[in-house]
Amino acid sequence: MSYLTQRPADKGKVLTLALQETLFVVAWTALAGALFLPLTRLWMFSMLPAALIAIHFLTA
């Protein structure tokens, strides 16, 4: 379709699409947060020894 033959977008459709996209992103973010929250503490405690080892070898 040529740019010159396009019609302006309907505001209702644009708002509906924006709301759907926003809810999609929020839902996937919530799902990812629920799945990875139990691993957060494990990740934090595993980063501390890694940081200490890296500091040891970088300063030696």
Protein backbone atom coordinates (compact mmCIF):
# COMPACT_ATOMS: atom_id res chain seq x y z
CA MET A 1 0.00 0.00 0.00
CA SER A 2 1.33 3.40 -0.95
CA TYR A 3 1.97 5.95 1.76
CA LEU A 4 -0.30 8.42 -0.01
CA THR A 5 -3.28 6.04 0.00
CA GLN A 6 -3.10 5.22 3.72
CA ARG A 7 -5.80 6.51 6.02
CA PRO A 8 -5.20 7.91 9.52
CA ALA A 9 -5.31 5.34 12.29
CA ASP A 10 -8.45 5.00 14.38
CA LYS A 11 -7.74 6.30 17.91
CA GLY A 12 -9.73 3.50 19.52
CA LYS A 13 -7.74 0.81 17.72
CA VAL A 14 -4.45 2.51 18.58
CA LEU A 15 -5.36 2.73 22.28
CA THR A 16 -6.54 -0.89 22.32
CA LEU A 17 -3.32 -2.08 20.72
CA ALA A 18 -1.22 0.01 23.12
CA LEU A 19 -3.09 -1.44 26.11
CA GLN A 20 -2.71 -5.00 24.80
CA GLU A 21 1.02 -4.53 24.24
CA THR A 22 1.45 -3.03 27.72
CA LEU A 23 -0.44 -5.87 29.39
CA PHE A 24 1.59 -8.40 27.40
CA VAL A 25 4.87 -6.92 28.61
CA VAL A 26 3.64 -6.65 32.22
CA ALA A 27 2.40 -10.25 32.21
CA TRP A 28 5.67 -11.67 30.84
CA THR A 29 7.67 -9.54 33.29
CA ALA A 30 5.59 -10.82 36.20
CA LEU A 31 6.00 -14.40 35.03
CA ALA A 32 9.76 -14.01 34.68
CA GLY A 33 9.94 -12.40 38.11
CA ALA A 34 7.96 -15.22 39.69
CA LEU A 35 10.19 -17.83 38.06
CA PHE A 36 13.54 -16.19 38.84
CA LEU A 37 12.80 -14.76 42.30
CA PRO A 38 13.79 -17.99 44.11
CA LEU A 39 17.12 -17.94 42.23
CA THR A 40 17.93 -14.34 43.20
CA ARG A 41 19.40 -15.20 46.60
CA LEU A 42 21.44 -18.02 45.09
CA TRP A 43 22.72 -15.68 42.40
CA MET A 44 23.72 -13.01 44.93
CA PHE A 45 25.58 -15.48 47.13
CA SER A 46 27.34 -17.02 44.14
CA MET A 47 28.50 -13.59 42.95
CA LEU A 48 30.34 -12.81 46.20
CA PRO A 49 32.92 -15.64 45.96
CA ALA A 50 33.35 -14.95 42.25
CA ALA A 51 34.05 -11.28 42.96
CA LEU A 52 36.53 -12.14 45.72
CA ILE A 53 38.38 -14.60 43.49
CA ALA A 54 38.49 -12.05 40.66
CA ILE A 55 39.83 -9.35 43.00
CA HIS A 56 42.46 -11.76 44.33
CA PHE A 57 43.76 -12.63 40.87
CA LEU A 58 43.55 -9.08 39.53
CA THR A 59 45.55 -7.63 42.43
CA ALA A 60 48.12 -10.45 42.63
